[in-house]
Amino acid sequence: MPPERATALPATYLKLVATALIWGATWIAGRVAVGEASPLAVASWRFLLAALALGGILVAREGWPRWSFGQWRTLAALGASGIFLYNICFLYGMQLIEAGRGALVVALTPAVIAASDWLFFGAAMSTLKGVGIALAMFGCLLVVTNGQPALLIDGRVGIGEWLIVGCSLLWAVYTFVGRRATRSLSPLAMTFGASVTGWLMLTVAALAHGSLFSLSALTWQGTSAIVFLGIFGTAIGFTWYAEAVRRIGATRAGAFINVVPVSAVLLGALLLDERLDVAVLAGGALVIAGVILTNHAGARLATGLNSKEKTA
């Protein structure tokens, strides 16, 4: 390992821990913000702040972007999936269910990505990886149904739960489109472009809804929540995470995402006085355990494939 990389590791890990805590807090901030303003308005102002901050960082580091039509098309797909539709599901969902419970559902995302990669893109699969995905999905079922899986069969799962499940599916789409985008764009440029295109979509929707400037009910708490979502949750969090992926790899960086739902549950209890049922917490533990198992199995598969390539 080069000396400069070795000295960068402690700071990298500290930033990853901070990012996970920040992303856990975004669930609390989102719930506070949508209690005082329309979800579309909250999302639009959030990503305006994020785009301005990310744009400043991008210009300072890489200069003014000059993107082709094809790159803009890819960025529009990222903005539609990971910014526009994701935030509609996230913020409207936060109006209907607890922040901690929502974060436990979204903890399923890495398992959804792994399963989709196998189903649609032919990624390697092992028994251990399959068990991890199944465990995570069963845990998600417990969280969504409040520990009563029969509710799903009876059709009694609420719209809030389905919206948060939609967050996981949309983030999987964002991940796969992003994998293509990073062939020609840096992670920072990709995040900035997605934020800009997503912000444009959210702003048009908020204007059509008539809620973009309906902010008279905002208190300092709601305003602070929107600023936190834009600057810390998006601009800083996304940048630090992208830096970590570049320095220590996606697998090791991704493992820190497991801290996010834990952070959200603890902060929800502390700041919003949320109390989740034992069955929901058990389901969340299964989701996290399943994701850890999936990541571990994926790392073993990747190591095995690399070893075969070297000996071939």
Protein backbone atom coordinates (compact mmCIF):
# COMPACT_ATOMS: atom_id res chain seq x y z
CA MET A 1 0.00 0.00 0.00
CA PRO A 2 1.46 3.42 -0.94
CA PRO A 3 2.36 5.62 2.09
CA GLU A 4 -0.14 8.33 1.14
CA ARG A 5 -2.94 5.76 0.95
CA ALA A 6 -1.99 4.27 4.32
CA THR A 7 -2.14 7.68 6.00
CA ALA A 8 -5.47 8.39 4.30
CA LEU A 9 -7.19 5.29 5.71
CA PRO A 10 -7.98 6.56 9.26
CA ALA A 11 -9.54 9.75 7.87
CA THR A 12 -11.40 7.71 5.24
CA TYR A 13 -12.95 5.41 7.85
CA LEU A 14 -13.86 8.34 10.10
CA LYS A 15 -15.63 10.00 7.14
CA LEU A 16 -17.48 6.75 6.40
CA VAL A 17 -18.71 6.48 9.99
CA ALA A 18 -19.75 10.14 9.90
CA THR A 19 -21.53 9.59 6.56
CA ALA A 20 -23.47 6.62 7.95
CA LEU A 21 -24.55 8.67 10.98
CA ILE A 22 -25.53 11.59 8.74
CA TRP A 23 -27.56 9.32 6.45
CA GLY A 24 -29.31 7.86 9.48
CA ALA A 25 -30.17 11.40 10.56
CA THR A 26 -31.66 12.19 7.12
CA TRP A 27 -34.61 9.97 8.02
CA ILE A 28 -35.29 12.14 11.05
CA ALA A 29 -34.74 15.37 9.09
CA GLY A 30 -37.04 14.14 6.33
CA ARG A 31 -39.83 13.41 8.78
CA VAL A 32 -39.46 16.84 10.39
CA ALA A 33 -39.36 18.67 7.03
CA VAL A 34 -42.46 17.00 5.53
CA GLY A 35 -44.35 17.82 8.71
CA GLU A 36 -44.08 21.50 7.75
CA ALA A 37 -43.95 21.60 3.93
CA SER A 38 -44.97 19.57 0.88
CA PRO A 39 -42.63 16.65 0.11
CA LEU A 40 -42.15 17.99 -3.44
CA ALA A 41 -41.13 21.43 -2.15
CA VAL A 42 -38.80 19.88 0.45
CA ALA A 43 -37.12 17.72 -2.19
CA SER A 44 -36.77 20.57 -4.68
CA TRP A 45 -35.10 22.94 -2.20
CA ARG A 46 -32.95 20.09 -0.85
CA PHE A 47 -31.47 19.31 -4.24
CA LEU A 48 -31.06 22.94 -5.22
CA LEU A 49 -28.79 23.33 -2.19
CA ALA A 50 -27.05 20.03 -2.96
CA ALA A 51 -26.50 20.90 -6.63
CA LEU A 52 -25.02 24.30 -5.75
CA ALA A 53 -22.64 22.76 -3.19
CA LEU A 54 -21.65 19.83 -5.44
CA GLY A 55 -21.23 22.15 -8.43
CA GLY A 56 -18.79 24.32 -6.48
CA ILE A 57 -16.74 21.28 -5.44
CA LEU A 58 -16.79 19.88 -9.00
CA VAL A 59 -15.62 23.12 -10.64
CA ALA A 60 -12.84 23.50 -8.06
CA ARG A 61 -11.61 19.93 -8.57
CA GLU A 62 -12.34 19.09 -12.20
CA GLY A 63 -13.28 22.34 -13.95
CA TRP A 64 -16.51 23.14 -15.78
CA PRO A 65 -18.24 19.96 -17.01
CA ARG A 66 -18.57 19.40 -20.75
CA TRP A 67 -20.96 16.49 -21.19
CA SER A 68 -22.11 14.83 -24.40
CA PHE A 69 -25.75 14.25 -25.26
CA GLY A 70 -25.36 10.58 -24.32
CA GLN A 71 -23.94 11.51 -20.92
CA TRP A 72 -26.79 13.96 -20.31
CA ARG A 73 -29.25 11.18 -21.17
CA THR A 74 -27.62 8.87 -18.63
CA LEU A 75 -27.61 11.65 -16.02
CA ALA A 76 -31.31 12.24 -16.69
CA ALA A 77 -31.97 8.53 -16.01
CA LEU A 78 -30.02 8.85 -12.75
CA GLY A 79 -31.94 11.98 -11.80
CA ALA A 80 -35.29 10.34 -12.57
CA SER A 81 -34.60 7.15 -10.59
CA GLY A 82 -32.30 8.08 -7.70
CA ILE A 83 -33.39 11.69 -7.13
CA PHE A 84 -36.89 12.44 -8.46
CA LEU A 85 -38.81 9.17 -7.91
CA TYR A 86 -36.70 8.08 -4.93
CA ASN A 87 -37.41 11.30 -3.04
CA ILE A 88 -41.11 11.17 -3.82
CA CYS A 89 -41.22 7.68 -2.28
CA PHE A 90 -38.92 8.68 0.59
CA LEU A 91 -40.61 11.92 1.64
CA TYR A 92 -44.22 10.88 1.08
CA GLY A 93 -43.41 7.63 2.89
CA MET A 94 -42.04 9.64 5.81
CA GLN A 95 -45.45 11.27 6.20
CA LEU A 96 -46.98 7.85 6.85
CA ILE A 97 -44.54 5.65 8.79
CA GLU A 98 -41.88 6.04 11.49
CA ALA A 99 -38.42 7.20 10.41
CA GLY A 100 -36.65 4.30 12.13
CA ARG A 101 -38.96 1.73 10.57
CA GLY A 102 -38.48 3.24 7.13
CA ALA A 103 -34.70 3.07 7.48
CA LEU A 104 -34.92 -0.61 8.45
CA VAL A 105 -36.88 -1.32 5.25
CA VAL A 106 -34.34 0.51 3.08
CA ALA A 107 -31.53 -1.47 4.73
CA LEU A 108 -32.68 -4.21 2.34
CA THR A 109 -31.25 -2.26 -0.63
CA PRO A 110 -27.84 -4.03 -0.92
CA ALA A 111 -29.61 -7.41 -1.04
CA VAL A 112 -32.00 -6.12 -3.72
CA ILE A 113 -29.00 -4.93 -5.74
CA ALA A 114 -27.23 -8.29 -5.37
CA ALA A 115 -30.35 -10.24 -6.40
CA SER A 116 -30.98 -7.94 -9.38
CA ASP A 117 -27.35 -8.18 -10.49
CA TRP A 118 -27.71 -11.96 -10.58
CA LEU A 119 -31.14 -12.03 -12.25
CA PHE A 120 -30.59 -9.38 -14.93
CA PHE A 121 -26.83 -9.08 -15.41
CA GLY A 122 -25.56 -12.61 -14.80
CA ALA A 123 -23.52 -11.84 -11.67
CA ALA A 124 -22.11 -14.87 -9.84
CA MET A 125 -24.34 -16.43 -7.17
CA SER A 126 -23.51 -18.85 -4.36
CA THR A 127 -25.60 -20.70 -1.78
CA LEU A 128 -24.30 -18.43 0.99
CA LYS A 129 -25.15 -15.30 -1.00
CA GLY A 130 -28.64 -16.66 -1.76
CA VAL A 131 -29.21 -17.38 1.94
CA GLY A 132 -28.15 -13.82 2.82
CA ILE A 133 -30.58 -12.33 0.27
CA ALA A 134 -33.44 -14.54 1.49
CA LEU A 135 -32.70 -13.67 5.13
CA ALA A 136 -32.68 -9.94 4.37
CA MET A 137 -35.96 -10.18 2.44
CA PHE A 138 -37.66 -12.12 5.24
CA GLY A 139 -36.47 -9.50 7.74
CA CYS A 140 -37.87 -6.77 5.50
CA LEU A 141 -41.21 -8.63 5.42
CA LEU A 142 -41.32 -8.56 9.23
CA VAL A 143 -40.55 -4.82 9.30
CA VAL A 144 -43.11 -3.93 6.61
CA THR A 145 -45.89 -5.96 8.26
CA ASN A 146 -45.05 -5.05 11.87
CA GLY A 147 -44.18 -8.68 12.56
CA GLN A 148 -47.41 -10.02 11.01
CA PRO A 149 -46.59 -11.47 7.53
CA ALA A 150 -50.23 -12.50 7.08
CA LEU A 151 -51.05 -8.82 6.54
CA LEU A 152 -49.29 -9.00 3.17
CA ILE A 153 -51.54 -11.86 2.05
CA ASP A 154 -54.62 -9.98 3.27
CA GLY A 155 -53.55 -6.84 1.38
CA ARG A 156 -53.38 -4.80 4.57
CA VAL A 157 -49.90 -3.35 4.14
CA GLY A 158 -50.14 0.45 3.96
CA ILE A 159 -49.07 2.78 1.15
CA GLY A 160 -46.29 4.21 3.35
CA GLU A 161 -44.61 0.81 3.58
CA TRP A 162 -44.86 0.26 -0.18
CA LEU A 163 -43.40 3.70 -0.87
CA ILE A 164 -40.34 2.89 1.26
CA VAL A 165 -39.95 -0.50 -0.45
CA GLY A 166 -40.02 1.51 -3.68
CA CYS A 167 -36.97 3.42 -2.39
CA SER A 168 -34.95 0.19 -2.36
CA LEU A 169 -36.04 -0.74 -5.89
CA LEU A 170 -35.30 2.74 -7.23
CA TRP A 171 -31.88 2.85 -5.60
CA ALA A 172 -31.06 -0.47 -7.28
CA VAL A 173 -31.95 1.11 -10.65
CA TYR A 174 -29.82 4.16 -9.77
CA THR A 175 -26.91 1.88 -8.88
CA PHE A 176 -26.95 0.01 -12.19
CA VAL A 177 -27.36 3.16 -14.28
CA GLY A 178 -24.58 4.73 -12.20
CA ARG A 179 -22.31 1.78 -12.92
CA ARG A 180 -22.60 2.66 -16.59
CA ALA A 181 -22.19 6.40 -15.95
CA THR A 182 -18.89 6.00 -14.07
CA ARG A 183 -17.27 4.57 -17.20
CA SER A 184 -16.96 8.14 -18.47
CA LEU A 185 -17.72 10.34 -15.43
CA SER A 186 -16.14 10.71 -12.00
CA PRO A 187 -18.38 9.83 -9.02
CA LEU A 188 -18.50 13.54 -8.11
CA ALA A 189 -19.51 14.58 -11.64
CA MET A 190 -22.11 11.82 -11.77
CA THR A 191 -23.64 12.85 -8.43
CA PHE A 192 -23.72 16.51 -9.44
CA GLY A 193 -25.34 15.74 -12.81
CA ALA A 194 -27.92 13.47 -11.22
CA SER A 195 -28.71 16.15 -8.61
CA VAL A 196 -29.18 18.81 -11.30
CA THR A 197 -31.46 16.71 -13.52
CA GLY A 198 -33.38 15.37 -10.52
CA TRP A 199 -33.79 18.89 -9.11
CA LEU A 200 -35.23 20.11 -12.42
CA MET A 201 -37.81 17.29 -12.39
CA LEU A 202 -38.72 17.92 -8.75
CA THR A 203 -39.04 21.66 -9.34
CA VAL A 204 -41.37 21.20 -12.33
CA ALA A 205 -43.49 18.79 -10.27
CA ALA A 206 -43.56 21.17 -7.27
CA LEU A 207 -44.57 24.09 -9.52
CA ALA A 208 -47.33 22.00 -11.11
CA HIS A 209 -48.46 20.98 -7.62
CA GLY A 210 -48.41 24.63 -6.53
CA SER A 211 -46.30 23.92 -3.46
CA LEU A 212 -42.79 25.11 -4.39
CA PHE A 213 -43.15 28.46 -2.60
CA SER A 214 -45.76 27.38 -0.01
CA LEU A 215 -43.31 27.58 2.86
CA SER A 216 -45.17 29.84 5.30
CA ALA A 217 -45.54 27.01 7.84
CA LEU A 218 -41.79 26.36 7.97
CA THR A 219 -40.23 26.89 11.39
CA TRP A 220 -36.50 27.03 12.06
CA GLN A 221 -36.63 23.27 12.67
CA GLY A 222 -38.12 22.56 9.25
CA THR A 223 -35.74 24.97 7.50
CA SER A 224 -32.76 23.43 9.31
CA ALA A 225 -33.96 19.96 8.28
CA ILE A 226 -34.04 20.95 4.58
CA VAL A 227 -30.57 22.53 4.81
CA PHE A 228 -29.29 19.41 6.57
CA LEU A 229 -30.76 17.15 3.86
CA GLY A 230 -29.20 19.23 1.07
CA ILE A 231 -25.77 20.09 2.44
CA PHE A 232 -24.94 17.23 4.80
CA GLY A 233 -27.17 14.38 3.63
CA THR A 234 -26.45 14.89 -0.07
CA ALA A 235 -23.45 17.12 -0.90
CA ILE A 236 -21.12 16.09 1.95
CA GLY A 237 -22.38 12.53 2.45
CA PHE A 238 -22.33 11.61 -1.24
CA THR A 239 -18.88 13.17 -1.74
CA TRP A 240 -17.32 11.43 1.25
CA TYR A 241 -18.85 8.10 0.24
CA ALA A 242 -17.60 8.44 -3.37
CA GLU A 243 -14.10 9.24 -2.05
CA ALA A 244 -14.17 6.17 0.18
CA VAL A 245 -15.23 3.89 -2.68
CA ARG A 246 -12.27 5.19 -4.70
CA ARG A 247 -9.78 4.71 -1.85
CA ILE A 248 -10.80 1.43 -0.18
CA GLY A 249 -13.21 -0.15 -2.67
CA ALA A 250 -16.98 -0.50 -2.94
CA THR A 251 -17.26 -3.64 -0.79
CA ARG A 252 -15.53 -2.25 2.28
CA ALA A 253 -17.15 1.16 1.91
CA GLY A 254 -20.60 -0.39 1.39
CA ALA A 255 -20.34 -2.33 4.64
CA PHE A 256 -20.66 0.95 6.57
CA ILE A 257 -24.18 1.46 5.15
CA ASN A 258 -25.30 -1.13 7.71
CA VAL A 259 -24.78 1.58 10.36
CA VAL A 260 -27.46 3.79 8.74
CA PRO A 261 -30.61 1.99 9.99
CA VAL A 262 -29.11 1.59 13.47
CA SER A 263 -28.40 5.32 13.56
CA ALA A 264 -31.91 6.12 12.30
CA VAL A 265 -33.60 3.90 14.91
CA LEU A 266 -31.57 5.37 17.78
CA LEU A 267 -32.08 8.97 16.62
CA GLY A 268 -35.79 8.32 16.01
CA ALA A 269 -36.16 7.13 19.60
CA LEU A 270 -34.08 10.01 20.97
CA LEU A 271 -35.44 12.92 18.91
CA LEU A 272 -38.92 11.83 17.79
CA ASP A 273 -39.80 9.53 20.70
CA GLU A 274 -40.43 6.64 18.27
CA ARG A 275 -40.82 3.23 19.85
CA LEU A 276 -40.62 0.27 17.48
CA ASP A 277 -42.08 -3.16 18.30
CA VAL A 278 -39.73 -6.01 19.15
CA ALA A 279 -40.84 -7.84 15.98
CA VAL A 280 -39.87 -4.82 13.84
CA LEU A 281 -36.46 -4.54 15.53
CA ALA A 282 -35.93 -8.30 15.08
CA GLY A 283 -36.83 -7.96 11.42
CA GLY A 284 -34.38 -5.09 11.07
CA ALA A 285 -31.66 -7.21 12.69
CA LEU A 286 -32.37 -9.98 10.16
CA VAL A 287 -32.16 -7.48 7.29
CA ILE A 288 -28.77 -6.21 8.47
CA ALA A 289 -27.49 -9.77 9.12
CA GLY A 290 -28.66 -10.85 5.67
CA VAL A 291 -26.95 -7.89 4.00
CA ILE A 292 -23.69 -8.56 5.87
CA LEU A 293 -23.87 -12.22 4.78
CA THR A 294 -24.61 -11.19 1.18
CA ASN A 295 -21.67 -8.77 1.12
CA HIS A 296 -19.35 -11.36 2.67
CA ALA A 297 -20.39 -14.02 0.17
CA GLY A 298 -20.02 -11.54 -2.70
CA ALA A 299 -16.48 -10.67 -1.58
CA ARG A 300 -15.59 -14.38 -1.42
CA LEU A 301 -17.00 -14.95 -4.90
CA ALA A 302 -15.03 -12.01 -6.28
CA THR A 303 -11.82 -13.28 -4.65
CA GLY A 304 -12.40 -16.75 -6.07
CA LEU A 305 -13.02 -15.43 -9.58
CA ASN A 306 -9.90 -13.26 -9.44
CA SER A 307 -7.81 -16.24 -8.31
CA LYS A 308 -9.11 -18.34 -11.22
CA GLU A 309 -8.29 -15.57 -13.70
CA LYS A 310 -4.73 -15.33 -12.40
CA THR A 311 -4.13 -19.07 -12.61
CA ALA A 312 -5.78 -19.43 -16.04
